[in-house]
PDB file of N, CA and C in Angstrom:
ATOM      1  N   MET A   1     157.788 244.145  29.035  1.00  0.00           N
ATOM      2  CA  MET A   1     157.274 244.650  28.223  1.00  0.00           C
ATOM      3  C   MET A   1     158.206 244.574  26.738  1.00  0.00           C
ATOM      4  N   LEU A   2     159.028 245.416  27.363  1.00  0.00           N
ATOM      5  CA  LEU A   2     160.607 246.341  26.680  1.00  0.00           C
ATOM      6  C   LEU A   2     161.503 244.852  26.981  1.00  0.00           C
ATOM      7  N   LEU A   3     161.214 243.507  27.219  1.00  0.00           N
ATOM      8  CA  LEU A   3     162.099 242.486  26.984  1.00  0.00           C
ATOM      9  C   LEU A   3     162.139 242.131  26.052  1.00  0.00           C
ATOM     10  N   VAL A   4     160.348 241.634  26.161  1.00  0.00           N
ATOM     11  CA  VAL A   4     158.890 240.800  24.859  1.00  0.00           C
ATOM     12  C   VAL A   4     159.527 241.582  23.720  1.00  0.00           C
ATOM     13  N   THR A   5     159.351 243.185  23.706  1.00  0.00           N
ATOM     14  CA  THR A   5     159.390 243.440  22.402  1.00  0.00           C
ATOM     15  C   THR A   5     160.655 242.894  21.313  1.00  0.00           C
ATOM     16  N   SER A   6     161.621 243.536  22.353  1.00  0.00           N
ATOM     17  CA  SER A   6     162.861 242.618  21.549  1.00  0.00           C
ATOM     18  C   SER A   6     163.839 241.715  21.794  1.00  0.00           C
ATOM     19  N   LEU A   7     163.470 240.313  22.437  1.00  0.00           N
ATOM     20  CA  LEU A   7     163.607 239.019  22.276  1.00  0.00           C
ATOM     21  C   LEU A   7     162.549 238.909  20.162  1.00  0.00           C
ATOM     22  N   VAL A   8     161.861 239.706  20.448  1.00  0.00           N
ATOM     23  CA  VAL A   8     160.936 239.751  18.903  1.00  0.00           C
ATOM     24  C   VAL A   8     161.621 240.012  18.619  1.00  0.00           C
ATOM     25  N   TYR A   9     162.810 241.293  17.625  1.00  0.00           N
ATOM     26  CA  TYR A   9     163.262 242.215  17.144  1.00  0.00           C
ATOM     27  C   TYR A   9     164.539 240.905  17.395  1.00  0.00           C
ATOM     28  N   ALA A  10     165.006 240.268  17.515  1.00  0.00           N
ATOM     29  CA  ALA A  10     166.343 239.259  17.705  1.00  0.00           C
ATOM     30  C   ALA A  10     165.862 238.400  16.701  1.00  0.00           C
ATOM     31  N   ALA A  11     164.495 237.572  17.582  1.00  0.00           N
ATOM     32  CA  ALA A  11     164.724 236.533  17.184  1.00  0.00           C
ATOM     33  C   ALA A  11     163.706 237.097  14.734  1.00  0.00           C
ATOM     34  N   ASP A  12     163.153 237.611  14.817  1.00  0.00           N
ATOM     35  CA  ASP A  12     162.714 238.385  13.581  1.00  0.00           C
ATOM     36  C   ASP A  12     163.887 238.740  12.200  1.00  0.00           C
ATOM     37  N   ASP A  13     165.395 239.061  13.225  1.00  0.00           N
ATOM     38  CA  ASP A  13     166.260 239.667  12.204  1.00  0.00           C
ATOM     39  C   ASP A  13     167.528 238.742  12.840  1.00  0.00           C
ATOM     40  N   GLY A  14     166.585 237.785  12.916  1.00  0.00           N
ATOM     41  CA  GLY A  14     168.384 236.479  13.410  1.00  0.00           C
ATOM     42  C   GLY A  14     168.696 235.817  12.154  1.00  0.00           C
ATOM     43  N   LYS A  15     170.027 235.627  12.062  1.00  0.00           N
ATOM     44  CA  LYS A  15     170.584 234.655  10.121  1.00  0.00           C
ATOM     45  C   LYS A  15     170.768 233.601  10.690  1.00  0.00           C
ATOM     46  N   THR A  16     170.996 232.364   9.829  1.00  0.00           N
ATOM     47  CA  THR A  16     173.081 231.773  10.564  1.00  0.00           C
ATOM     48  C   THR A  16     173.726 231.633   9.587  1.00  0.00           C
ATOM     49  N   ALA A  17     174.774 231.969  10.378  1.00  0.00           N
ATOM     50  CA  ALA A  17     176.624 231.875   9.443  1.00  0.00           C
ATOM     51  C   ALA A  17     176.920 230.692   9.930  1.00  0.00           C
ATOM     52  N   LYS A  18     178.128 230.307   8.804  1.00  0.00           N
ATOM     53  CA  LYS A  18     179.119 229.404   9.121  1.00  0.00           C
ATOM     54  C   LYS A  18     180.177 229.883   9.440  1.00  0.00           C
ATOM     55  N   VAL A  19     180.673 229.276  11.175  1.00  0.00           N
ATOM     56  CA  VAL A  19     182.267 229.532  11.429  1.00  0.00           C
ATOM     57  C   VAL A  19     183.397 229.123  10.087  1.00  0.00           C
ATOM     58  N   LEU A  20     183.783 229.433   9.511  1.00  0.00           N
ATOM     59  CA  LEU A  20     184.800 229.261   8.515  1.00  0.00           C
ATOM     60  C   LEU A  20     185.783 228.578   9.859  1.00  0.00           C
ATOM     61  N   ALA A  21     186.485 229.784  10.743  1.00  0.00           N
ATOM     62  CA  ALA A  21     187.909 230.435  10.764  1.00  0.00           C
ATOM     63  C   ALA A  21     188.348 230.828  12.325  1.00  0.00           C
ATOM     64  N   VAL A  22     188.589 230.521  13.466  1.00  0.00           N
ATOM     65  CA  VAL A  22     188.672 230.972  14.418  1.00  0.00           C
ATOM     66  C   VAL A  22     190.452 230.753  14.604  1.00  0.00           C
ATOM     67  N   LYS A  23     190.331 232.399  15.211  1.00  0.00           N
ATOM     68  CA  LYS A  23     192.337 232.316  16.145  1.00  0.00           C
ATOM     69  C   LYS A  23     192.383 233.284  17.394  1.00  0.00           C
ATOM     70  N   ALA A  24     192.414 232.208  17.488  1.00  0.00           N
ATOM     71  CA  ALA A  24     192.554 232.569  19.032  1.00  0.00           C
ATOM     72  C   ALA A  24     193.921 233.670  19.848  1.00  0.00           C
ATOM     73  N   TYR A  25     193.790 234.289  19.644  1.00  0.00           N
ATOM     74  CA  TYR A  25     194.290 235.171  21.047  1.00  0.00           C
ATOM     75  C   TYR A  25     194.779 235.255  22.733  1.00  0.00           C
ATOM     76  N   ASP A  26     195.006 234.825  22.799  1.00  0.00           N
ATOM     77  CA  ASP A  26     195.682 233.401  24.135  1.00  0.00           C
ATOM     78  C   ASP A  26     195.808 234.634  25.274  1.00  0.00           C
ATOM     79  N   ARG A  27     197.951 235.582  24.542  1.00  0.00           N
ATOM     80  CA  ARG A  27     197.921 236.714  24.855  1.00  0.00           C
ATOM     81  C   ARG A  27     197.140 237.335  25.927  1.00  0.00           C
ATOM     82  N   GLY A  28     195.792 238.285  24.913  1.00  0.00           N
ATOM     83  CA  GLY A  28     196.281 239.211  24.951  1.00  0.00           C
ATOM     84  C   GLY A  28     196.916 240.345  24.058  1.00  0.00           C
ATOM     85  N   ARG A  29     195.887 240.937  24.241  1.00  0.00           N
ATOM     86  CA  ARG A  29     196.406 242.319  23.664  1.00  0.00           C
ATOM     87  C   ARG A  29     197.820 242.892  24.287  1.00  0.00           C
ATOM     88  N   ILE A  30     198.516 244.174  23.301  1.00  0.00           N
ATOM     89  CA  ILE A  30     199.837 243.943  23.769  1.00  0.00           C
ATOM     90  C   ILE A  30     199.754 245.207  24.325  1.00  0.00           C
ATOM     91  N   ALA A  31     199.933 245.316  26.253  1.00  0.00           N
ATOM     92  CA  ALA A  31     199.599 246.559  26.761  1.00  0.00           C
ATOM     93  C   ALA A  31     201.254 247.168  26.827  1.00  0.00           C
ATOM     94  N   PHE A  32     201.561 247.053  26.769  1.00  0.00           N
ATOM     95  CA  PHE A  32     203.858 248.309  26.966  1.00  0.00           C
ATOM     96  C   PHE A  32     205.044 247.410  25.900  1.00  0.00           C
ATOM     97  N   TRP A  33     205.524 247.632  25.801  1.00  0.00           N
ATOM     98  CA  TRP A  33     206.643 246.687  25.149  1.00  0.00           C
ATOM     99  C   TRP A  33     207.747 247.752  26.552  1.00  0.00           C
ATOM    100  N   GLU A  34     208.700 247.267  26.777  1.00  0.00           N
ATOM    101  CA  GLU A  34     209.811 247.092  27.485  1.00  0.00           C
ATOM    102  C   GLU A  34     210.775 246.463  26.400  1.00  0.00           C
ATOM    103  N   GLY A  35     211.704 247.531  25.628  1.00  0.00           N
ATOM    104  CA  GLY A  35     212.728 247.589  24.819  1.00  0.00           C
ATOM    105  C   GLY A  35     211.460 246.869  23.780  1.00  0.00           C
ATOM    106  N   ARG A  36     212.743 245.702  23.251  1.00  0.00           N
ATOM    107  CA  ARG A  36     211.358 245.104  21.785  1.00  0.00           C
ATOM    108  C   ARG A  36     211.270 243.857  22.574  1.00  0.00           C
ATOM    109  N   VAL A  37     210.743 243.534  23.747  1.00  0.00           N
ATOM    110  CA  VAL A  37     209.626 242.745  24.245  1.00  0.00           C
ATOM    111  C   VAL A  37     208.403 242.933  24.193  1.00  0.00           C
ATOM    112  N   PRO A  38     207.180 242.674  23.348  1.00  0.00           N
ATOM    113  CA  PRO A  38     206.124 242.457  23.280  1.00  0.00           C
ATOM    114  C   PRO A  38     205.742 242.750  25.311  1.00  0.00           C
ATOM    115  N   ILE A  39     204.804 242.658  26.306  1.00  0.00           N
ATOM    116  CA  ILE A  39     203.875 242.743  27.614  1.00  0.00           C
ATOM    117  C   ILE A  39     202.888 243.492  27.229  1.00  0.00           C
ATOM    118  N   TYR A  40     201.611 241.587  27.696  1.00  0.00           N
ATOM    119  CA  TYR A  40     199.991 241.473  27.704  1.00  0.00           C
ATOM    120  C   TYR A  40     199.714 241.772  28.075  1.00  0.00           C
ATOM    121  N   ASP A  41     198.191 241.096  27.879  1.00  0.00           N
ATOM    122  CA  ASP A  41     197.062 242.040  28.551  1.00  0.00           C
ATOM    123  C   ASP A  41     197.144 241.035  29.197  1.00  0.00           C
ATOM    124  N   GLY A  42     196.953 239.921  29.212  1.00  0.00           N
ATOM    125  CA  GLY A  42     196.258 238.646  29.912  1.00  0.00           C
ATOM    126  C   GLY A  42     194.978 238.335  29.149  1.00  0.00           C
ATOM    127  N   TYR A  43     194.325 239.510  27.965  1.00  0.00           N
ATOM    128  CA  TYR A  43     192.977 239.190  28.882  1.00  0.00           C
ATOM    129  C   TYR A  43     192.513 238.658  27.559  1.00  0.00           C
ATOM    130  N   PRO A  44     191.883 237.431  26.977  1.00  0.00           N
ATOM    131  CA  PRO A  44     192.518 236.756  25.634  1.00  0.00           C
ATOM    132  C   PRO A  44     190.798 237.083  24.266  1.00  0.00           C
ATOM    133  N   PHE A  45     190.912 236.975  23.436  1.00  0.00           N
ATOM    134  CA  PHE A  45     190.025 237.137  22.569  1.00  0.00           C
ATOM    135  C   PHE A  45     190.238 236.253  21.234  1.00  0.00           C
ATOM    136  N   TYR A  46     189.237 237.328  20.084  1.00  0.00           N
ATOM    137  CA  TYR A  46     188.965 236.058  19.589  1.00  0.00           C
ATOM    138  C   TYR A  46     188.556 236.015  17.584  1.00  0.00           C
ATOM    139  N   ASP A  47     189.600 236.497  16.716  1.00  0.00           N
ATOM    140  CA  ASP A  47     188.946 237.082  15.223  1.00  0.00           C
ATOM    141  C   ASP A  47     188.119 236.036  14.881  1.00  0.00           C
ATOM    142  N   ILE A  48     186.997 235.786  15.200  1.00  0.00           N
ATOM    143  CA  ILE A  48     185.903 234.146  14.284  1.00  0.00           C
ATOM    144  C   ILE A  48     185.546 234.754  12.498  1.00  0.00           C
ATOM    145  N   THR A  49     185.961 234.391  11.606  1.00  0.00           N
ATOM    146  CA  THR A  49     185.155 234.372  10.327  1.00  0.00           C
ATOM    147  C   THR A  49     184.221 233.775  10.765  1.00  0.00           C
ATOM    148  N   LEU A  50     183.236 234.351  10.312  1.00  0.00           N
ATOM    149  CA  LEU A  50     181.813 233.709   8.840  1.00  0.00           C
ATOM    150  C   LEU A  50     181.859 233.632   7.980  1.00  0.00           C
ATOM    151  N   ALA A  51     181.246 232.758   7.122  1.00  0.00           N
ATOM    152  CA  ALA A  51     180.209 232.629   6.741  1.00  0.00           C
ATOM    153  C   ALA A  51     178.762 233.903   6.148  1.00  0.00           C
ATOM    154  N   LEU A  52     177.912 234.659   6.083  1.00  0.00           N
ATOM    155  CA  LEU A  52     176.923 234.559   5.751  1.00  0.00           C
ATOM    156  C   LEU A  52     175.959 235.128   5.016  1.00  0.00           C
ATOM    157  N   ASP A  53     175.319 235.521   4.222  1.00  0.00           N
ATOM    158  CA  ASP A  53     174.917 235.566   2.817  1.00  0.00           C
ATOM    159  C   ASP A  53     175.205 235.677   2.035  1.00  0.00           C
ATOM    160  N   GLN A  54     176.101 235.300   1.613  1.00  0.00           N
ATOM    161  CA  GLN A  54     177.147 235.228   0.752  1.00  0.00           C
ATOM    162  C   GLN A  54     178.421 236.308   0.650  1.00  0.00           C
ATOM    163  N   LYS A  55     178.669 236.437   1.526  1.00  0.00           N
ATOM    164  CA  LYS A  55     179.481 237.329   2.087  1.00  0.00           C
ATOM    165  C   LYS A  55     180.335 237.627   3.229  1.00  0.00           C
ATOM    166  N   LYS A  56     182.263 236.959   3.787  1.00  0.00           N
ATOM    167  CA  LYS A  56     183.123 237.391   4.210  1.00  0.00           C
ATOM    168  C   LYS A  56     182.544 238.395   5.894  1.00  0.00           C
ATOM    169  N   TYR A  57     182.575 237.451   7.618  1.00  0.00           N
ATOM    170  CA  TYR A  57     182.695 238.226   7.639  1.00  0.00           C
ATOM    171  C   TYR A  57     183.875 238.687   8.965  1.00  0.00           C
ATOM    172  N   VAL A  58     184.732 238.522   9.091  1.00  0.00           N
ATOM    173  CA  VAL A  58     185.648 239.469  10.848  1.00  0.00           C
ATOM    174  C   VAL A  58     184.871 239.599  11.589  1.00  0.00           C
ATOM    175  N   VAL A  59     184.586 238.432  13.123  1.00  0.00           N
ATOM    176  CA  VAL A  59     184.661 239.035  14.236  1.00  0.00           C
ATOM    177  C   VAL A  59     184.931 239.282  15.282  1.00  0.00           C
ATOM    178  N   ARG A  60     185.283 239.991  16.556  1.00  0.00           N
ATOM    179  CA  ARG A  60     185.643 240.155  17.412  1.00  0.00           C
ATOM    180  C   ARG A  60     185.406 239.383  18.419  1.00  0.00           C
ATOM    181  N   TYR A  61     185.525 238.346  19.312  1.00  0.00           N
ATOM    182  CA  TYR A  61     184.712 237.879  19.666  1.00  0.00           C
ATOM    183  C   TYR A  61     186.168 238.415  22.019  1.00  0.00           C
ATOM    184  N   GLU A  62     185.872 238.972  22.880  1.00  0.00           N
ATOM    185  CA  GLU A  62     186.328 239.812  23.695  1.00  0.00           C
ATOM    186  C   GLU A  62     186.024 238.615  24.764  1.00  0.00           C
ATOM    187  N   SER A  63     187.438 238.550  25.884  1.00  0.00           N
ATOM    188  CA  SER A  63     186.435 237.337  26.800  1.00  0.00           C
ATOM    189  C   SER A  63     187.814 237.454  28.100  1.00  0.00           C
ATOM    190  N   MET A  64     187.352 237.848  29.361  1.00  0.00           N
ATOM    191  CA  MET A  64     187.832 238.166  30.461  1.00  0.00           C
ATOM    192  C   MET A  64     188.787 237.422  30.022  1.00  0.00           C
ATOM    193  N   THR A  65     188.313 236.055  30.373  1.00  0.00           N
ATOM    194  CA  THR A  65     188.142 234.390  31.835  1.00  0.00           C
ATOM    195  C   THR A  65     189.198 233.201  30.434  1.00  0.00           C
ATOM    196  N   GLY A  66     189.151 234.047  28.919  1.00  0.00           N
ATOM    197  CA  GLY A  66     189.231 233.085  28.278  1.00  0.00           C
ATOM    198  C   GLY A  66     188.579 231.999  27.916  1.00  0.00           C
ATOM    199  N   TYR A  67     187.204 232.067  28.207  1.00  0.00           N
ATOM    200  CA  TYR A  67     185.663 231.283  28.188  1.00  0.00           C
ATOM    201  C   TYR A  67     185.541 231.557  26.103  1.00  0.00           C
ATOM    202  N   TYR A  68     184.834 230.535  25.618  1.00  0.00           N
ATOM    203  CA  TYR A  68     185.301 230.464  24.137  1.00  0.00           C
ATOM    204  C   TYR A  68     184.476 229.170  24.444  1.00  0.00           C
ATOM    205  N   PRO A  69     182.603 229.492  23.289  1.00  0.00           N
ATOM    206  CA  PRO A  69     182.076 228.390  23.513  1.00  0.00           C
ATOM    207  C   PRO A  69     181.773 227.604  22.711  1.00  0.00           C
ATOM    208  N   SER A  70     181.415 226.579  23.149  1.00  0.00           N
ATOM    209  CA  SER A  70     182.008 224.988  22.134  1.00  0.00           C
ATOM    210  C   SER A  70     180.993 224.699  20.838  1.00  0.00           C
ATOM    211  N   ASN A  71     180.470 225.367  20.479  1.00  0.00           N
ATOM    212  CA  ASN A  71     179.597 225.677  19.162  1.00  0.00           C
ATOM    213  C   ASN A  71     179.718 226.566  18.453  1.00  0.00           C
ATOM    214  N   TRP A  72     180.834 227.062  19.065  1.00  0.00           N
ATOM    215  CA  TRP A  72     181.238 228.319  18.269  1.00  0.00           C
ATOM    216  C   TRP A  72     182.742 227.881  17.019  1.00  0.00           C
ATOM    217  N   LYS A  73     182.779 226.967  16.912  1.00  0.00           N
ATOM    218  CA  LYS A  73     183.996 225.769  16.153  1.00  0.00           C
ATOM    219  C   LYS A  73     183.473 225.469  15.031  1.00  0.00           C
ATOM    220  N   ALA A  74     184.953 226.347  14.048  1.00  0.00           N
ATOM    221  CA  ALA A  74     185.166 225.772  12.432  1.00  0.00           C
ATOM    222  C   ALA A  74     184.648 224.385  12.485  1.00  0.00           C
ATOM    223  N   GLY A  75     183.405 224.795  11.482  1.00  0.00           N
ATOM    224  CA  GLY A  75     182.515 223.425  11.215  1.00  0.00           C
ATOM    225  C   GLY A  75     180.666 224.091  11.329  1.00  0.00           C
ATOM    226  N   ARG A  76     181.307 225.048  12.006  1.00  0.00           N
ATOM    227  CA  ARG A  76     179.407 224.696  12.912  1.00  0.00           C
ATOM    228  C   ARG A  76     178.713 226.193  12.553  1.00  0.00           C
ATOM    229  N   GLU A  77     177.449 225.759  11.745  1.00  0.00           N
ATOM    230  CA  GLU A  77     176.505 227.179  12.007  1.00  0.00           C
ATOM    231  C   GLU A  77     176.051 226.978  13.387  1.00  0.00           C
ATOM    232  N   ILE A  78     175.952 228.532  13.586  1.00  0.00           N
ATOM    233  CA  ILE A  78     175.650 229.643  14.917  1.00  0.00           C
ATOM    234  C   ILE A  78     174.753 230.590  13.954  1.00  0.00           C
ATOM    235  N   GLN A  79     173.822 231.231  14.908  1.00  0.00           N
ATOM    236  CA  GLN A  79     172.951 232.112  15.137  1.00  0.00           C
ATOM    237  C   GLN A  79     173.320 233.210  15.173  1.00  0.00           C
ATOM    238  N   VAL A  80     172.971 234.500  14.364  1.00  0.00           N
ATOM    239  CA  VAL A  80     173.503 235.772  14.567  1.00  0.00           C
ATOM    240  C   VAL A  80     172.614 236.805  13.765  1.00  0.00           C
ATOM    241  N   ARG A  81     172.882 238.114  14.566  1.00  0.00           N
ATOM    242  CA  ARG A  81     171.759 239.151  13.660  1.00  0.00           C
ATOM    243  C   ARG A  81     172.921 240.039  14.083  1.00  0.00           C
ATOM    244  N   LEU A  82     172.808 241.171  12.687  1.00  0.00           N
ATOM    245  CA  LEU A  82     174.057 242.120  12.293  1.00  0.00           C
ATOM    246  C   LEU A  82     172.804 243.026  13.370  1.00  0.00           C
ATOM    247  N   GLY A  83     174.076 244.311  13.554  1.00  0.00           N
ATOM    248  CA  GLY A  83     173.146 244.985  14.904  1.00  0.00           C
ATOM    249  C   GLY A  83     173.542 246.615  14.255  1.00  0.00           C
ATOM    250  N   GLY A  84     174.211 246.815  13.249  1.00  0.00           N
ATOM    251  CA  GLY A  84     175.002 247.852  12.482  1.00  0.00           C
ATOM    252  C   GLY A  84     175.367 248.467  12.467  1.00  0.00           C
ATOM    253  N   LYS A  85     176.439 249.059  12.417  1.00  0.00           N
ATOM    254  CA  LYS A  85     177.507 250.205  12.885  1.00  0.00           C
ATOM    255  C   LYS A  85     178.353 249.659  13.285  1.00  0.00           C
ATOM    256  N   GLY A  86     179.363 248.087  12.398  1.00  0.00           N
ATOM    257  CA  GLY A  86     179.751 247.460  12.475  1.00  0.00           C
ATOM    258  C   GLY A  86     180.189 246.109  13.717  1.00  0.00           C
ATOM    259  N   LYS A  87     178.794 246.189  14.306  1.00  0.00           N
ATOM    260  CA  LYS A  87     178.274 245.500  15.339  1.00  0.00           C
ATOM    261  C   LYS A  87     177.807 244.636  15.181  1.00  0.00           C
ATOM    262  N   MET A  88     178.013 242.848  15.827  1.00  0.00           N
ATOM    263  CA  MET A  88     177.501 241.546  15.078  1.00  0.00           C
ATOM    264  C   MET A  88     176.884 241.162  16.140  1.00  0.00           C
ATOM    265  N   PHE A  89     175.178 239.946  17.128  1.00  0.00           N
ATOM    266  CA  PHE A  89     175.323 239.609  18.001  1.00  0.00           C
ATOM    267  C   PHE A  89     176.033 238.212  17.849  1.00  0.00           C
ATOM    268  N   LEU A  90     176.276 237.595  18.211  1.00  0.00           N
ATOM    269  CA  LEU A  90     175.861 236.061  18.416  1.00  0.00           C
ATOM    270  C   LEU A  90     175.636 234.729  19.488  1.00  0.00           C
ATOM    271  N   LEU A  91     174.872 234.611  19.037  1.00  0.00           N
ATOM    272  CA  LEU A  91     174.118 233.837  20.019  1.00  0.00           C
ATOM    273  C   LEU A  91     174.785 232.365  20.579  1.00  0.00           C
ATOM    274  N   ASN A  92     174.694 232.277  21.513  1.00  0.00           N
ATOM    275  CA  ASN A  92     174.930 231.712  22.339  1.00  0.00           C
ATOM    276  C   ASN A  92     174.588 230.959  23.658  1.00  0.00           C
ATOM    277  N   GLY A  93     173.298 229.773  23.016  1.00  0.00           N
ATOM    278  CA  GLY A  93     172.043 230.194  23.929  1.00  0.00           C
ATOM    279  C   GLY A  93     170.644 230.754  24.153  1.00  0.00           C
ATOM    280  N   GLU A  94     170.667 230.790  24.994  1.00  0.00           N
ATOM    281  CA  GLU A  94     169.498 231.913  24.616  1.00  0.00           C
ATOM    282  C   GLU A  94     170.360 233.165  25.189  1.00  0.00           C
ATOM    283  N   GLU A  95     171.670 233.876  24.610  1.00  0.00           N
ATOM    284  CA  GLU A  95     172.491 234.535  24.452  1.00  0.00           C
ATOM    285  C   GLU A  95     173.218 235.272  24.253  1.00  0.00           C
ATOM    286  N   GLU A  96     172.541 236.685  23.761  1.00  0.00           N
ATOM    287  CA  GLU A  96     173.679 237.341  22.537  1.00  0.00           C
ATOM    288  C   GLU A  96     174.438 237.355  23.133  1.00  0.00           C
ATOM    289  N   VAL A  97     175.856 237.619  21.771  1.00  0.00           N
ATOM    290  CA  VAL A  97     177.272 238.615  22.450  1.00  0.00           C
ATOM    291  C   VAL A  97     176.940 238.749  21.362  1.00  0.00           C
ATOM    292  N   LEU A  98     178.135 240.599  22.477  1.00  0.00           N
ATOM    293  CA  LEU A  98     178.351 241.680  20.919  1.00  0.00           C
ATOM    294  C   LEU A  98     179.666 240.521  20.941  1.00  0.00           C
ATOM    295  N   ALA A  99     179.586 241.095  19.198  1.00  0.00           N
ATOM    296  CA  ALA A  99     181.166 240.907  18.555  1.00  0.00           C
ATOM    297  C   ALA A  99     181.347 241.902  17.362  1.00  0.00           C
ATOM    298  N   LEU A 100     182.056 242.752  17.454  1.00  0.00           N
ATOM    299  CA  LEU A 100     182.670 243.945  16.330  1.00  0.00           C
ATOM    300  C   LEU A 100     182.805 243.343  15.151  1.00  0.00           C
ATOM    301  N   ILE A 101     182.394 243.975  14.290  1.00  0.00           N
ATOM    302  CA  ILE A 101     182.898 243.011  13.193  1.00  0.00           C
ATOM    303  C   ILE A 101     183.975 244.384  12.262  1.00  0.00           C
ATOM    304  N   TYR A 102     185.441 243.539  11.761  1.00  0.00           N
ATOM    305  CA  TYR A 102     187.245 243.645  11.582  1.00  0.00           C
ATOM    306  C   TYR A 102     186.667 243.544   9.931  1.00  0.00           C
ATOM    307  N   ASN A 103     186.368 242.879   8.968  1.00  0.00           N
ATOM    308  CA  ASN A 103     186.320 242.429   8.136  1.00  0.00           C
ATOM    309  C   ASN A 103     188.248 242.377   7.262  1.00  0.00           C
ATOM    310  N   GLY A 104     188.430 244.356   6.577  1.00  0.00           N
ATOM    311  CA  GLY A 104     189.465 243.972   6.363  1.00  0.00           C
ATOM    312  C   GLY A 104     190.669 244.853   6.792  1.00  0.00           C
ATOM    313  N   HIS A 105     189.848 244.804   8.267  1.00  0.00           N
ATOM    314  CA  HIS A 105     191.001 245.640   9.689  1.00  0.00           C
ATOM    315  C   HIS A 105     191.540 244.371  10.425  1.00  0.00           C
ATOM    316  N   LEU A 106     191.596 243.533  10.231  1.00  0.00           N
ATOM    317  CA  LEU A 106     192.068 242.350   9.995  1.00  0.00           C
ATOM    318  C   LEU A 106     193.756 241.468  10.433  1.00  0.00           C
ATOM    319  N   GLN A 107     194.222 242.187  11.876  1.00  0.00           N
ATOM    320  CA  GLN A 107     195.763 242.205  11.762  1.00  0.00           C
ATOM    321  C   GLN A 107     196.478 241.528  13.268  1.00  0.00           C
ATOM    322  N   ASP A 108     196.786 240.874  13.029  1.00  0.00           N
ATOM    323  CA  ASP A 108     198.381 240.325  14.381  1.00  0.00           C
ATOM    324  C   ASP A 108     198.952 240.860  14.979  1.00  0.00           C
ATOM    325  N   CYS A 109     198.567 240.452  15.922  1.00  0.00           N
ATOM    326  CA  CYS A 109     198.819 241.629  17.636  1.00  0.00           C
ATOM    327  C   CYS A 109     199.867 242.287  18.056  1.00  0.00           C
ATOM    328  N   VAL A 110     201.060 241.123  17.241  1.00  0.00           N
ATOM    329  CA  VAL A 110     203.016 241.761  16.830  1.00  0.00           C
ATOM    330  C   VAL A 110     202.961 242.238  15.577  1.00  0.00           C
ATOM    331  N   PRO A 111     203.718 243.500  15.470  1.00  0.00           N
ATOM    332  CA  PRO A 111     204.218 243.243  14.003  1.00  0.00           C
ATOM    333  C   PRO A 111     205.338 242.311  12.841  1.00  0.00           C
ATOM    334  N   SER A 112     205.006 241.830  12.501  1.00  0.00           N
ATOM    335  CA  SER A 112     206.025 240.815  12.224  1.00  0.00           C
ATOM    336  C   SER A 112     207.489 241.283  11.914  1.00  0.00           C
ATOM    337  N   SER A 113     207.978 243.183  11.528  1.00  0.00           N
ATOM    338  CA  SER A 113     209.136 242.912  11.824  1.00  0.00           C
ATOM    339  C   SER A 113     209.301 242.957  13.235  1.00  0.00           C
ATOM    340  N   GLY A 114     208.315 242.917  14.308  1.00  0.00           N
ATOM    341  CA  GLY A 114     209.345 243.041  15.975  1.00  0.00           C
ATOM    342  C   GLY A 114     209.769 244.728  16.444  1.00  0.00           C
ATOM    343  N   ARG A 115     209.487 245.460  15.261  1.00  0.00           N
ATOM    344  CA  ARG A 115     209.467 246.775  15.529  1.00  0.00           C
ATOM    345  C   ARG A 115     208.782 247.849  16.942  1.00  0.00           C
ATOM    346  N   SER A 116     208.781 248.317  17.535  1.00  0.00           N
ATOM    347  CA  SER A 116     207.506 249.332  18.397  1.00  0.00           C
ATOM    348  C   SER A 116     206.571 249.658  17.283  1.00  0.00           C
ATOM    349  N   ALA A 117     205.255 249.963  17.716  1.00  0.00           N
ATOM    350  CA  ALA A 117     204.394 250.497  17.011  1.00  0.00           C
ATOM    351  C   ALA A 117     204.513 252.060  18.081  1.00  0.00           C
ATOM    352  N   LEU A 118     204.764 251.384  18.883  1.00  0.00           N
ATOM    353  CA  LEU A 118     204.999 252.732  20.884  1.00  0.00           C
ATOM    354  C   LEU A 118     205.494 253.776  19.991  1.00  0.00           C
ATOM    355  N   ARG A 119     205.494 255.237  18.937  1.00  0.00           N
ATOM    356  CA  ARG A 119     207.110 256.714  19.184  1.00  0.00           C
ATOM    357  C   ARG A 119     206.931 257.142  20.434  1.00  0.00           C
ATOM    358  N   LEU A 120     208.260 257.815  21.115  1.00  0.00           N
ATOM    359  CA  LEU A 120     208.884 258.049  21.531  1.00  0.00           C
ATOM    360  C   LEU A 120     208.481 259.760  21.436  1.00  0.00           C
ATOM    361  N   THR A 121     208.199 261.010  21.535  1.00  0.00           N
ATOM    362  CA  THR A 121     207.894 262.194  22.461  1.00  0.00           C
ATOM    363  C   THR A 121     209.157 262.445  21.911  1.00  0.00           C
ATOM    364  N   PRO A 122     210.543 263.416  20.744  1.00  0.00           N
ATOM    365  CA  PRO A 122     211.304 263.842  20.790  1.00  0.00           C
ATOM    366  C   PRO A 122     210.897 265.160  22.594  1.00  0.00           C
ATOM    367  N   GLY A 123     212.404 264.480  23.210  1.00  0.00           N
ATOM    368  CA  GLY A 123     212.867 265.790  24.708  1.00  0.00           C
ATOM    369  C   GLY A 123     213.366 265.076  25.606  1.00  0.00           C
ATOM    370  N   PHE A 124     211.445 263.701  25.872  1.00  0.00           N
ATOM    371  CA  PHE A 124     211.195 262.917  26.581  1.00  0.00           C
ATOM    372  C   PHE A 124     212.582 261.947  26.011  1.00  0.00           C
ATOM    373  N   PRO A 125     213.612 261.617  27.724  1.00  0.00           N
ATOM    374  CA  PRO A 125     213.856 260.636  28.325  1.00  0.00           C
ATOM    375  C   PRO A 125     213.357 258.894  27.607  1.00  0.00           C
ATOM    376  N   ARG A 126     213.716 258.319  27.367  1.00  0.00           N
ATOM    377  CA  ARG A 126     213.683 257.119  27.595  1.00  0.00           C
ATOM    378  C   ARG A 126     213.924 255.308  28.365  1.00  0.00           C
ATOM    379  N   ALA A 127     212.895 255.123  28.875  1.00  0.00           N
ATOM    380  CA  ALA A 127     212.476 254.296  29.939  1.00  0.00           C
ATOM    381  C   ALA A 127     214.283 253.307  29.618  1.00  0.00           C
ATOM    382  N   THR A 128     214.547 252.608  30.649  1.00  0.00           N
ATOM    383  CA  THR A 128     215.763 251.972  30.188  1.00  0.00           C
ATOM    384  C   THR A 128     214.465 251.414  31.604  1.00  0.00           C
ATOM    385  N   THR A 129     215.381 249.572  31.096  1.00  0.00           N
ATOM    386  CA  THR A 129     215.365 248.649  31.520  1.00  0.00           C
ATOM    387  C   THR A 129     216.591 248.431  32.835  1.00  0.00           C
TER     388      THR A 129
END
């Protein structure tokens, strides 16, 4: 009964969004730095720009395997559901996939200055390679 209710709820709130752009981060996030060289975690993720109800949304889709649905390419329309509090669900066939809304917080993984975002605490020795 609960499953049927959630499916009806999802169908009622579903909307169509247009995929405007997809930015892939094939190497994943920066896990740590070795000197000035970033070491990535290897878990790909994607920032997807969507047009929905006269607004643009940037959502992040994470994939441990690197899989990205072919029907979510730029220029295509997909079914979505707003989940509240920074969440959006993207429909991939029958499956709803959670994506987090990032809008104004989008930035590249590697700072353009090439400097580490990590700060060393005074009094602790620096790692040497």
